[in-house]
């Protein structure tokens, strides 16, 4: 059986994950546009957080008018665009 060459997602402590969650909640509440750094992918274009699903640990974002779901643990950082 061949192993995938995809790098392993870095582990982060509870404090970092809690802070990340708070930033996502704040961005959703304030309807702020954010740029998400997603593990093993390109950064997202500026998007709006529209839903947080605790049951599936996914974050719903609107990107260019399309809703996308991103696994919470794949989000490495939440940044505000400099535009």
PDB file of N, CA and C in Angstrom:
ATOM      1  N   UNK A   1       0.850  -1.188   0.000  1.00  0.00           N
ATOM      2  CA  UNK A   1       0.000   0.000   0.000  1.00  0.00           C
ATOM      3  C   UNK A   1       0.891   1.246   0.000  1.00  0.00           C
ATOM      4  N   UNK A   2       0.647   2.153  -0.920  1.00  0.00           N
ATOM      5  CA  UNK A   2       1.478   3.339  -1.064  1.00  0.00           C
ATOM      6  C   UNK A   2       0.940   4.477  -0.205  1.00  0.00           C
ATOM      7  N   UNK A   3       1.840   5.146   0.485  1.00  0.00           N
ATOM      8  CA  UNK A   3       1.437   6.260   1.339  1.00  0.00           C
ATOM      9  C   UNK A   3       1.372   7.546   0.520  1.00  0.00           C
ATOM     10  N   UNK A   4       0.437   8.398   0.870  1.00  0.00           N
ATOM     11  CA  UNK A   4       0.307   9.693   0.199  1.00  0.00           C
ATOM     12  C   UNK A   4       1.490  10.579   0.594  1.00  0.00           C
ATOM     13  N   UNK A   5       1.942  11.405  -0.340  1.00  0.00           N
ATOM     14  CA  UNK A   5       3.078  12.295  -0.075  1.00  0.00           C
ATOM     15  C   UNK A   5       2.635  13.644   0.480  1.00  0.00           C
ATOM     16  N   UNK A   6       1.336  13.810   0.708  1.00  0.00           N
ATOM     17  CA  UNK A   6       0.831  15.066   1.233  1.00  0.00           C
ATOM     18  C   UNK A   6       1.423  15.301   2.628  1.00  0.00           C
ATOM     19  N   UNK A   7       1.935  16.514   2.892  1.00  0.00           N
ATOM     20  CA  UNK A   7       2.524  16.751   4.211  1.00  0.00           C
ATOM     21  C   UNK A   7       1.478  16.666   5.318  1.00  0.00           C
ATOM     22  N   UNK A   8       1.940  16.289   6.485  1.00  0.00           N
ATOM     23  CA  UNK A   8       1.044  16.156   7.630  1.00  0.00           C
ATOM     24  C   UNK A   8       0.657  17.539   8.145  1.00  0.00           C
ATOM     25  N   UNK A   9      -0.626  17.702   8.473  1.00  0.00           N
ATOM     26  CA  UNK A   9      -1.108  18.970   9.004  1.00  0.00           C
ATOM     27  C   UNK A   9      -0.407  19.244  10.337  1.00  0.00           C
ATOM     28  N   UNK A  10       0.117  20.451  10.520  1.00  0.00           N
ATOM     29  CA  UNK A  10       0.780  20.749  11.792  1.00  0.00           C
ATOM     30  C   UNK A  10      -0.215  20.720  12.956  1.00  0.00           C
ATOM     31  N   UNK A  11       0.257  20.278  14.097  1.00  0.00           N
ATOM     32  CA  UNK A  11      -0.604  20.287  15.275  1.00  0.00           C
ATOM     33  C   UNK A  11      -0.446  21.626  15.976  1.00  0.00           C
ATOM     34  N   UNK A  12      -1.542  22.095  16.540  1.00  0.00           N
ATOM     35  CA  UNK A  12      -1.516  23.376  17.261  1.00  0.00           C
ATOM     36  C   UNK A  12      -2.154  23.177  18.617  1.00  0.00           C
ATOM     37  N   UNK A  13      -1.725  23.972  19.580  1.00  0.00           N
ATOM     38  CA  UNK A  13      -2.279  23.787  20.922  1.00  0.00           C
ATOM     39  C   UNK A  13      -3.674  24.400  21.023  1.00  0.00           C
ATOM     40  N   UNK A  14      -4.334  24.062  22.114  1.00  0.00           N
ATOM     41  CA  UNK A  14      -5.709  24.483  22.339  1.00  0.00           C
ATOM     42  C   UNK A  14      -5.858  26.002  22.330  1.00  0.00           C
ATOM     43  N   UNK A  15      -4.878  26.718  22.867  1.00  0.00           N
ATOM     44  CA  UNK A  15      -4.929  28.179  22.917  1.00  0.00           C
ATOM     45  C   UNK A  15      -4.975  28.768  21.508  1.00  0.00           C
ATOM     46  N   UNK A  16      -4.129  28.264  20.616  1.00  0.00           N
ATOM     47  CA  UNK A  16      -4.074  28.757  19.237  1.00  0.00           C
ATOM     48  C   UNK A  16      -5.400  28.485  18.531  1.00  0.00           C
ATOM     49  N   UNK A  17      -5.946  27.279  18.703  1.00  0.00           N
ATOM     50  CA  UNK A  17      -7.214  26.925  18.068  1.00  0.00           C
ATOM     51  C   UNK A  17      -8.362  27.770  18.615  1.00  0.00           C
ATOM     52  N   UNK A  18      -8.338  28.035  19.917  1.00  0.00           N
ATOM     53  CA  UNK A  18      -9.390  28.852  20.522  1.00  0.00           C
ATOM     54  C   UNK A  18      -9.337  30.279  19.971  1.00  0.00           C
ATOM     55  N   UNK A  19      -8.142  30.828  19.853  1.00  0.00           N
ATOM     56  CA  UNK A  19      -7.983  32.180  19.310  1.00  0.00           C
ATOM     57  C   UNK A  19      -8.449  32.237  17.851  1.00  0.00           C
ATOM     58  N   UNK A  20      -8.116  31.218  17.082  1.00  0.00           N
ATOM     59  CA  UNK A  20      -8.552  31.138  15.695  1.00  0.00           C
ATOM     60  C   UNK A  20     -10.080  31.108  15.611  1.00  0.00           C
ATOM     61  N   UNK A  21     -10.695  30.309  16.465  1.00  0.00           N
ATOM     62  CA  UNK A  21     -12.161  30.228  16.510  1.00  0.00           C
ATOM     63  C   UNK A  21     -12.789  31.565  16.850  1.00  0.00           C
ATOM     64  N   UNK A  22     -12.189  32.278  17.808  1.00  0.00           N
ATOM     65  CA  UNK A  22     -12.713  33.592  18.195  1.00  0.00           C
ATOM     66  C   UNK A  22     -12.616  34.580  17.040  1.00  0.00           C
ATOM     67  N   UNK A  23     -11.527  34.530  16.283  1.00  0.00           N
ATOM     68  CA  UNK A  23     -11.376  35.434  15.135  1.00  0.00           C
ATOM     69  C   UNK A  23     -12.424  35.134  14.062  1.00  0.00           C
ATOM     70  N   UNK A  24     -12.720  33.856  13.848  1.00  0.00           N
ATOM     71  CA  UNK A  24     -13.743  33.475  12.869  1.00  0.00           C
ATOM     72  C   UNK A  24     -15.127  33.942  13.316  1.00  0.00           C
ATOM     73  N   UNK A  25     -15.436  33.768  14.599  1.00  0.00           N
ATOM     74  CA  UNK A  25     -16.732  34.208  15.135  1.00  0.00           C
ATOM     75  C   UNK A  25     -16.861  35.722  14.985  1.00  0.00           C
ATOM     76  N   UNK A  26     -15.810  36.449  15.338  1.00  0.00           N
ATOM     77  CA  UNK A  26     -15.836  37.910  15.234  1.00  0.00           C
ATOM     78  C   UNK A  26     -16.004  38.351  13.776  1.00  0.00           C
ATOM     79  N   UNK A  27     -15.289  37.712  12.866  1.00  0.00           N
ATOM     80  CA  UNK A  27     -15.399  38.058  11.443  1.00  0.00           C
ATOM     81  C   UNK A  27     -16.821  37.809  10.943  1.00  0.00           C
ATOM     82  N   UNK A  28     -17.439  36.714  11.402  1.00  0.00           N
ATOM     83  CA  UNK A  28     -18.808  36.408  10.986  1.00  0.00           C
ATOM     84  C   UNK A  28     -19.776  37.435  11.563  1.00  0.00           C
ATOM     85  N   UNK A  29     -19.644  37.731  12.851  1.00  0.00           N
ATOM     86  CA  UNK A  29     -20.544  38.671  13.524  1.00  0.00           C
ATOM     87  C   UNK A  29     -20.445  40.067  12.916  1.00  0.00           C
ATOM     88  N   UNK A  30     -19.219  40.498  12.602  1.00  0.00           N
ATOM     89  CA  UNK A  30     -18.999  41.842  12.067  1.00  0.00           C
ATOM     90  C   UNK A  30     -19.137  41.901  10.540  1.00  0.00           C
ATOM     91  N   UNK A  31     -19.370  40.718   9.913  1.00  0.00           N
ATOM     92  CA  UNK A  31     -19.464  40.630   8.451  1.00  0.00           C
ATOM     93  C   UNK A  31     -18.220  41.216   7.770  1.00  0.00           C
ATOM     94  N   UNK A  32     -17.064  40.983   8.398  1.00  0.00           N
ATOM     95  CA  UNK A  32     -15.780  41.456   7.869  1.00  0.00           C
ATOM     96  C   UNK A  32     -15.282  40.497   6.802  1.00  0.00           C
ATOM     97  N   UNK A  33     -14.660  41.057   5.773  1.00  0.00           N
ATOM     98  CA  UNK A  33     -13.990  40.218   4.769  1.00  0.00           C
ATOM     99  C   UNK A  33     -12.641  39.785   5.336  1.00  0.00           C
ATOM    100  N   UNK A  34     -12.318  38.520   5.132  1.00  0.00           N
ATOM    101  CA  UNK A  34     -11.062  37.976   5.648  1.00  0.00           C
ATOM    102  C   UNK A  34     -10.371  37.157   4.555  1.00  0.00           C
ATOM    103  N   UNK A  35      -9.087  36.901   4.767  1.00  0.00           N
ATOM    104  CA  UNK A  35      -8.314  35.987   3.923  1.00  0.00           C
ATOM    105  C   UNK A  35      -7.897  34.836   4.832  1.00  0.00           C
ATOM    106  N   UNK A  36      -8.233  33.620   4.427  1.00  0.00           N
ATOM    107  CA  UNK A  36      -7.902  32.449   5.232  1.00  0.00           C
ATOM    108  C   UNK A  36      -6.686  31.757   4.639  1.00  0.00           C
ATOM    109  N   UNK A  37      -5.733  31.451   5.499  1.00  0.00           N
ATOM    110  CA  UNK A  37      -4.580  30.654   5.096  1.00  0.00           C
ATOM    111  C   UNK A  37      -4.975  29.203   5.385  1.00  0.00           C
ATOM    112  N   UNK A  38      -5.208  28.430   4.330  1.00  0.00           N
ATOM    113  CA  UNK A  38      -5.697  27.060   4.469  1.00  0.00           C
ATOM    114  C   UNK A  38      -4.551  26.083   4.219  1.00  0.00           C
ATOM    115  N   UNK A  39      -4.392  25.123   5.125  1.00  0.00           N
ATOM    116  CA  UNK A  39      -3.306  24.148   5.062  1.00  0.00           C
ATOM    117  C   UNK A  39      -3.306  23.434   3.711  1.00  0.00           C
ATOM    118  N   UNK A  40      -2.112  23.314   3.127  1.00  0.00           N
ATOM    119  CA  UNK A  40      -1.868  22.585   1.887  1.00  0.00           C
ATOM    120  C   UNK A  40      -2.616  23.176   0.689  1.00  0.00           C
ATOM    121  N   UNK A  41      -3.053  24.444   0.783  1.00  0.00           N
ATOM    122  CA  UNK A  41      -3.726  25.110  -0.328  1.00  0.00           C
ATOM    123  C   UNK A  41      -3.249  26.551  -0.409  1.00  0.00           C
ATOM    124  N   UNK A  42      -3.680  27.218  -1.466  1.00  0.00           N
ATOM    125  CA  UNK A  42      -3.410  28.649  -1.599  1.00  0.00           C
ATOM    126  C   UNK A  42      -4.277  29.395  -0.586  1.00  0.00           C
ATOM    127  N   UNK A  43      -3.869  30.619  -0.257  1.00  0.00           N
ATOM    128  CA  UNK A  43      -4.736  31.446   0.581  1.00  0.00           C
ATOM    129  C   UNK A  43      -6.014  31.722  -0.195  1.00  0.00           C
ATOM    130  N   UNK A  44      -7.114  31.858   0.521  1.00  0.00           N
ATOM    131  CA  UNK A  44      -8.382  32.156  -0.144  1.00  0.00           C
ATOM    132  C   UNK A  44      -8.366  33.602  -0.626  1.00  0.00           C
ATOM    133  N   UNK A  45      -9.155  33.896  -1.655  1.00  0.00           N
ATOM    134  CA  UNK A  45      -9.357  35.308  -1.956  1.00  0.00           C
ATOM    135  C   UNK A  45     -10.164  35.898  -0.795  1.00  0.00           C
ATOM    136  N   UNK A  46     -10.240  37.222  -0.678  1.00  0.00           N
ATOM    137  CA  UNK A  46     -11.054  37.779   0.410  1.00  0.00           C
ATOM    138  C   UNK A  46     -12.451  37.152   0.393  1.00  0.00           C
ATOM    139  N   UNK A  47     -12.892  36.712   1.561  1.00  0.00           N
ATOM    140  CA  UNK A  47     -14.176  36.024   1.671  1.00  0.00           C
ATOM    141  C   UNK A  47     -14.886  36.472   2.940  1.00  0.00           C
ATOM    142  N   UNK A  48     -16.141  36.083   3.061  1.00  0.00           N
ATOM    143  CA  UNK A  48     -16.930  36.418   4.235  1.00  0.00           C
ATOM    144  C   UNK A  48     -17.336  35.119   4.930  1.00  0.00           C
ATOM    145  N   UNK A  49     -17.105  35.038   6.244  1.00  0.00           N
ATOM    146  CA  UNK A  49     -17.524  33.864   7.019  1.00  0.00           C
ATOM    147  C   UNK A  49     -19.034  33.975   7.216  1.00  0.00           C
ATOM    148  N   UNK A  50     -19.793  32.976   6.751  1.00  0.00           N
ATOM    149  CA  UNK A  50     -21.253  33.041   6.837  1.00  0.00           C
ATOM    150  C   UNK A  50     -21.852  31.979   7.755  1.00  0.00           C
ATOM    151  N   UNK A  51     -21.077  30.944   8.091  1.00  0.00           N
ATOM    152  CA  UNK A  51     -21.623  29.878   8.929  1.00  0.00           C
ATOM    153  C   UNK A  51     -20.500  29.120   9.614  1.00  0.00           C
ATOM    154  N   UNK A  52     -20.745  28.765  10.874  1.00  0.00           N
ATOM    155  CA  UNK A  52     -19.814  27.917  11.624  1.00  0.00           C
ATOM    156  C   UNK A  52     -20.602  26.689  12.058  1.00  0.00           C
ATOM    157  N   UNK A  53     -20.192  25.517  11.608  1.00  0.00           N
ATOM    158  CA  UNK A  53     -20.898  24.281  11.916  1.00  0.00           C
ATOM    159  C   UNK A  53     -20.096  23.484  12.942  1.00  0.00           C
ATOM    160  N   UNK A  54     -20.498  23.583  14.194  1.00  0.00           N
ATOM    161  CA  UNK A  54     -19.781  22.903  15.275  1.00  0.00           C
ATOM    162  C   UNK A  54     -19.890  21.383  15.156  1.00  0.00           C
ATOM    163  N   UNK A  55     -20.990  20.901  14.612  1.00  0.00           N
ATOM    164  CA  UNK A  55     -21.205  19.459  14.507  1.00  0.00           C
ATOM    165  C   UNK A  55     -20.190  18.811  13.569  1.00  0.00           C
ATOM    166  N   UNK A  56     -19.900  19.483  12.439  1.00  0.00           N
ATOM    167  CA  UNK A  56     -18.970  18.912  11.474  1.00  0.00           C
ATOM    168  C   UNK A  56     -17.600  19.588  11.512  1.00  0.00           C
ATOM    169  N   UNK A  57     -17.434  20.588  12.385  1.00  0.00           N
ATOM    170  CA  UNK A  57     -16.178  21.347  12.505  1.00  0.00           C
ATOM    171  C   UNK A  57     -15.765  21.955  11.165  1.00  0.00           C
ATOM    172  N   UNK A  58     -16.754  22.543  10.470  1.00  0.00           N
ATOM    173  CA  UNK A  58     -16.469  23.190   9.196  1.00  0.00           C
ATOM    174  C   UNK A  58     -16.889  24.653   9.258  1.00  0.00           C
ATOM    175  N   UNK A  59     -16.243  25.453   8.423  1.00  0.00           N
ATOM    176  CA  UNK A  59     -16.510  26.886   8.338  1.00  0.00           C
ATOM    177  C   UNK A  59     -17.063  27.171   6.948  1.00  0.00           C
ATOM    178  N   UNK A  60     -18.235  27.787   6.890  1.00  0.00           N
ATOM    179  CA  UNK A  60     -18.833  28.165   5.614  1.00  0.00           C
ATOM    180  C   UNK A  60     -18.432  29.584   5.257  1.00  0.00           C
ATOM    181  N   UNK A  61     -17.876  29.756   4.059  1.00  0.00           N
ATOM    182  CA  UNK A  61     -17.457  31.083   3.608  1.00  0.00           C
ATOM    183  C   UNK A  61     -18.058  31.365   2.231  1.00  0.00           C
ATOM    184  N   UNK A  62     -18.313  32.630   1.969  1.00  0.00           N
ATOM    185  CA  UNK A  62     -18.750  33.067   0.646  1.00  0.00           C
ATOM    186  C   UNK A  62     -17.533  33.614  -0.081  1.00  0.00           C
ATOM    187  N   UNK A  63     -17.198  32.983  -1.210  1.00  0.00           N
ATOM    188  CA  UNK A  63     -16.065  33.407  -2.043  1.00  0.00           C
ATOM    189  C   UNK A  63     -16.620  33.715  -3.429  1.00  0.00           C
ATOM    190  N   UNK A  64     -16.544  34.968  -3.805  1.00  0.00           N
ATOM    191  CA  UNK A  64     -17.045  35.384  -5.130  1.00  0.00           C
ATOM    192  C   UNK A  64     -18.474  34.887  -5.378  1.00  0.00           C
ATOM    193  N   UNK A  65     -19.343  35.009  -4.372  1.00  0.00           N
ATOM    194  CA  UNK A  65     -20.747  34.633  -4.535  1.00  0.00           C
ATOM    195  C   UNK A  65     -21.038  33.152  -4.415  1.00  0.00           C
ATOM    196  N   UNK A  66     -20.032  32.340  -4.097  1.00  0.00           N
ATOM    197  CA  UNK A  66     -20.220  30.892  -3.968  1.00  0.00           C
ATOM    198  C   UNK A  66     -19.873  30.460  -2.545  1.00  0.00           C
ATOM    199  N   UNK A  67     -20.763  29.656  -1.944  1.00  0.00           N
ATOM    200  CA  UNK A  67     -20.496  29.161  -0.590  1.00  0.00           C
ATOM    201  C   UNK A  67     -19.572  27.947  -0.672  1.00  0.00           C
ATOM    202  N   UNK A  68     -18.528  27.988   0.154  1.00  0.00           N
ATOM    203  CA  UNK A  68     -17.583  26.875   0.241  1.00  0.00           C
ATOM    204  C   UNK A  68     -17.445  26.471   1.707  1.00  0.00           C
ATOM    205  N   UNK A  69     -17.172  25.200   1.923  1.00  0.00           N
ATOM    206  CA  UNK A  69     -16.947  24.691   3.278  1.00  0.00           C
ATOM    207  C   UNK A  69     -15.468  24.350   3.432  1.00  0.00           C
ATOM    208  N   UNK A  70     -14.884  24.813   4.543  1.00  0.00           N
ATOM    209  CA  UNK A  70     -13.476  24.543   4.836  1.00  0.00           C
ATOM    210  C   UNK A  70     -13.405  23.882   6.219  1.00  0.00           C
ATOM    211  N   UNK A  71     -12.720  22.746   6.334  1.00  0.00           N
ATOM    212  CA  UNK A  71     -12.562  22.136   7.663  1.00  0.00           C
ATOM    213  C   UNK A  71     -11.829  23.105   8.602  1.00  0.00           C
ATOM    214  N   UNK A  72     -12.365  23.288   9.806  1.00  0.00           N
ATOM    215  CA  UNK A  72     -11.786  24.226  10.769  1.00  0.00           C
ATOM    216  C   UNK A  72     -10.303  23.952  11.004  1.00  0.00           C
ATOM    217  N   UNK A  73      -9.930  22.681  11.170  1.00  0.00           N
ATOM    218  CA  UNK A  73      -8.535  22.357  11.475  1.00  0.00           C
ATOM    219  C   UNK A  73      -7.587  22.626  10.315  1.00  0.00           C
ATOM    220  N   UNK A  74      -8.127  22.819   9.098  1.00  0.00           N
ATOM    221  CA  UNK A  74      -7.280  23.148   7.951  1.00  0.00           C
ATOM    222  C   UNK A  74      -6.976  24.646   7.871  1.00  0.00           C
ATOM    223  N   UNK A  75      -7.669  25.456   8.661  1.00  0.00           N
ATOM    224  CA  UNK A  75      -7.436  26.901   8.635  1.00  0.00           C
ATOM    225  C   UNK A  75      -6.256  27.216   9.554  1.00  0.00           C
ATOM    226  N   UNK A  76      -5.197  27.745   8.946  1.00  0.00           N
ATOM    227  CA  UNK A  76      -3.974  28.056   9.698  1.00  0.00           C
ATOM    228  C   UNK A  76      -4.009  29.461  10.286  1.00  0.00           C
ATOM    229  N   UNK A  77      -4.642  30.412   9.569  1.00  0.00           N
ATOM    230  CA  UNK A  77      -4.717  31.774  10.093  1.00  0.00           C
ATOM    231  C   UNK A  77      -5.870  32.515   9.433  1.00  0.00           C
ATOM    232  N   UNK A  78      -6.304  33.573  10.130  1.00  0.00           N
ATOM    233  CA  UNK A  78      -7.348  34.479   9.635  1.00  0.00           C
ATOM    234  C   UNK A  78      -6.713  35.846   9.566  1.00  0.00           C
ATOM    235  N   UNK A  79      -6.698  36.416   8.378  1.00  0.00           N
ATOM    236  CA  UNK A  79      -6.092  37.742   8.189  1.00  0.00           C
ATOM    237  C   UNK A  79      -7.116  38.669   7.565  1.00  0.00           C
ATOM    238  N   UNK A  80      -6.887  39.973   7.763  1.00  0.00           N
ATOM    239  CA  UNK A  80      -7.758  40.960   7.148  1.00  0.00           C
ATOM    240  C   UNK A  80      -7.043  41.498   5.907  1.00  0.00           C
ATOM    241  N   UNK A  81      -7.754  41.538   4.757  1.00  0.00           N
ATOM    242  CA  UNK A  81      -7.099  41.996   3.527  1.00  0.00           C
ATOM    243  C   UNK A  81      -6.637  43.438   3.636  1.00  0.00           C
ATOM    244  N   UNK A  82      -5.566  43.750   2.924  1.00  0.00           N
ATOM    245  CA  UNK A  82      -4.994  45.100   2.988  1.00  0.00           C
ATOM    246  C   UNK A  82      -5.441  45.940   1.807  1.00  0.00           C
ATOM    247  N   UNK A  83      -6.736  45.837   1.450  1.00  0.00           N
ATOM    248  CA  UNK A  83      -7.167  46.607   0.281  1.00  0.00           C
ATOM    249  C   UNK A  83      -7.883  47.883   0.634  1.00  0.00           C
TER     250      UNK A  83
END
